[in-house]
Amino acid sequence: MPFSKPKVANRFKCPSCGNDKDFFEITDDVITTTHYVQNPDGSFTIEDRSSQSMGDVKLFCGNCDEDLTLFHQRFSEMIF
């Protein structure tokens, strides 16, 4: 007997276009700190990277660019 994928009841969808896969965030006033090590050949490798948000975070649909910031709290809770 073939098995089908279970449906996820709490899957988030863009209310404008129905996209349920691609989303992006834009954060205002971010401080990004990146530490590098120089390799023997003169090139650089990232050793550590951190960022600190000082402003608002906005959520957008990756398909139609709809502003979904209203749903950002739920989105944040579902990042594992």
C-alpha atoms as a PDB file:
ATOM      1  CA  MET A   1       0.000   0.000   0.000  1.00  0.00           C
ATOM      2  CA  PRO A   2       1.595   3.333  -1.039  1.00  0.00           C
ATOM      3  CA  PHE A   3       1.920   6.011   1.597  1.00  0.00           C
ATOM      4  CA  SER A   4       1.011   9.624   0.932  1.00  0.00           C
ATOM      5  CA  LYS A   5       2.561  12.633   2.609  1.00  0.00           C
ATOM      6  CA  PRO A   6       0.564  13.876   5.572  1.00  0.00           C
ATOM      7  CA  LYS A   7      -1.034  17.298   5.165  1.00  0.00           C
ATOM      8  CA  VAL A   8       0.202  19.950   7.556  1.00  0.00           C
ATOM      9  CA  ALA A   9      -2.734  21.878   9.004  1.00  0.00           C
ATOM     10  CA  ASN A  10      -0.765  24.920  10.135  1.00  0.00           C
ATOM     11  CA  ARG A  11       1.143  25.553   6.899  1.00  0.00           C
ATOM     12  CA  PHE A  12       1.363  29.297   6.240  1.00  0.00           C
ATOM     13  CA  LYS A  13       0.230  30.663   2.866  1.00  0.00           C
ATOM     14  CA  CYS A  14       0.383  34.139   1.402  1.00  0.00           C
ATOM     15  CA  PRO A  15      -3.200  35.429   1.413  1.00  0.00           C
ATOM     16  CA  SER A  16      -2.592  37.283  -1.869  1.00  0.00           C
ATOM     17  CA  CYS A  17      -1.076  34.623  -4.144  1.00  0.00           C
ATOM     18  CA  GLY A  18      -1.211  31.345  -2.182  1.00  0.00           C
ATOM     19  CA  ASN A  19       2.577  30.917  -2.057  1.00  0.00           C
ATOM     20  CA  ASP A  20       3.490  28.533   0.763  1.00  0.00           C
ATOM     21  CA  LYS A  21       7.194  28.073   0.120  1.00  0.00           C
ATOM     22  CA  ASP A  22       9.297  31.238  -0.352  1.00  0.00           C
ATOM     23  CA  PHE A  23       9.416  34.154   2.094  1.00  0.00           C
ATOM     24  CA  PHE A  24      11.999  36.789   3.014  1.00  0.00           C
ATOM     25  CA  GLU A  25      12.668  39.237   5.824  1.00  0.00           C
ATOM     26  CA  ILE A  26      13.989  42.767   5.667  1.00  0.00           C
ATOM     27  CA  THR A  27      15.489  44.176   8.849  1.00  0.00           C
ATOM     28  CA  ASP A  28      16.148  47.872   9.391  1.00  0.00           C
ATOM     29  CA  ASP A  29      19.246  49.128  11.193  1.00  0.00           C
ATOM     30  CA  VAL A  30      21.337  45.967  11.416  1.00  0.00           C
ATOM     31  CA  ILE A  31      24.872  45.767  12.738  1.00  0.00           C
ATOM     32  CA  THR A  32      26.736  42.843  11.183  1.00  0.00           C
ATOM     33  CA  THR A  33      30.102  41.765  12.559  1.00  0.00           C
ATOM     34  CA  THR A  34      32.202  39.303  10.582  1.00  0.00           C
ATOM     35  CA  HIS A  35      35.517  37.877  11.791  1.00  0.00           C
ATOM     36  CA  TYR A  36      37.960  36.584   9.163  1.00  0.00           C
ATOM     37  CA  VAL A  37      41.175  34.618   9.194  1.00  0.00           C
ATOM     38  CA  GLN A  38      43.717  35.119   6.464  1.00  0.00           C
ATOM     39  CA  ASN A  39      44.907  31.943   4.778  1.00  0.00           C
ATOM     40  CA  PRO A  40      48.557  31.310   3.838  1.00  0.00           C
ATOM     41  CA  ASP A  41      47.716  32.064   0.179  1.00  0.00           C
ATOM     42  CA  GLY A  42      46.408  35.541   1.108  1.00  0.00           C
ATOM     43  CA  SER A  43      42.712  34.687   0.754  1.00  0.00           C
ATOM     44  CA  PHE A  44      40.262  35.069   3.654  1.00  0.00           C
ATOM     45  CA  THR A  45      37.852  32.645   5.333  1.00  0.00           C
ATOM     46  CA  ILE A  46      34.936  33.644   7.545  1.00  0.00           C
ATOM     47  CA  GLU A  47      35.572  32.458  11.080  1.00  0.00           C
ATOM     48  CA  ASP A  48      32.479  33.884  12.772  1.00  0.00           C
ATOM     49  CA  ARG A  49      29.532  36.080  11.839  1.00  0.00           C
ATOM     50  CA  SER A  50      26.958  37.751  14.065  1.00  0.00           C
ATOM     51  CA  SER A  51      24.292  40.372  13.615  1.00  0.00           C
ATOM     52  CA  GLN A  52      22.252  42.587  15.877  1.00  0.00           C
ATOM     53  CA  SER A  53      18.929  44.097  14.814  1.00  0.00           C
ATOM     54  CA  MET A  54      18.291  47.625  16.004  1.00  0.00           C
ATOM     55  CA  GLY A  55      15.124  48.246  13.956  1.00  0.00           C
ATOM     56  CA  ASP A  56      11.922  46.747  12.655  1.00  0.00           C
ATOM     57  CA  VAL A  57      11.782  43.342  10.963  1.00  0.00           C
ATOM     58  CA  LYS A  58       9.372  42.942   8.051  1.00  0.00           C
ATOM     59  CA  LEU A  59       8.186  39.719   6.383  1.00  0.00           C
ATOM     60  CA  PHE A  60       7.379  39.476   2.675  1.00  0.00           C
ATOM     61  CA  CYS A  61       6.083  36.842   0.268  1.00  0.00           C
ATOM     62  CA  GLY A  62       8.920  35.597  -1.936  1.00  0.00           C
ATOM     63  CA  ASN A  63       6.526  35.199  -4.860  1.00  0.00           C
ATOM     64  CA  CYS A  64       4.425  38.390  -5.039  1.00  0.00           C
ATOM     65  CA  ASP A  65       6.309  40.651  -2.551  1.00  0.00           C
ATOM     66  CA  GLU A  66       3.168  41.129  -0.432  1.00  0.00           C
ATOM     67  CA  ASP A  67       3.935  42.659   2.976  1.00  0.00           C
ATOM     68  CA  LEU A  68       3.185  39.877   5.499  1.00  0.00           C
ATOM     69  CA  THR A  69       4.639  41.644   8.554  1.00  0.00           C
ATOM     70  CA  LEU A  70       1.314  41.125  10.354  1.00  0.00           C
ATOM     71  CA  PHE A  71       2.176  37.389  10.409  1.00  0.00           C
ATOM     72  CA  HIS A  72       5.840  37.785  11.439  1.00  0.00           C
ATOM     73  CA  GLN A  73       5.322  36.606  15.048  1.00  0.00           C
ATOM     74  CA  ARG A  74       3.819  33.295  13.863  1.00  0.00           C
ATOM     75  CA  PHE A  75       6.575  32.967  11.257  1.00  0.00           C
ATOM     76  CA  SER A  76       9.258  33.499  13.923  1.00  0.00           C
ATOM     77  CA  GLU A  77       7.742  30.850  16.162  1.00  0.00           C
ATOM     78  CA  MET A  78       7.961  28.266  13.370  1.00  0.00           C
ATOM     79  CA  ILE A  79      11.715  28.646  12.657  1.00  0.00           C
ATOM     80  CA  PHE A  80      13.527  25.574  13.961  1.00  0.00           C
END
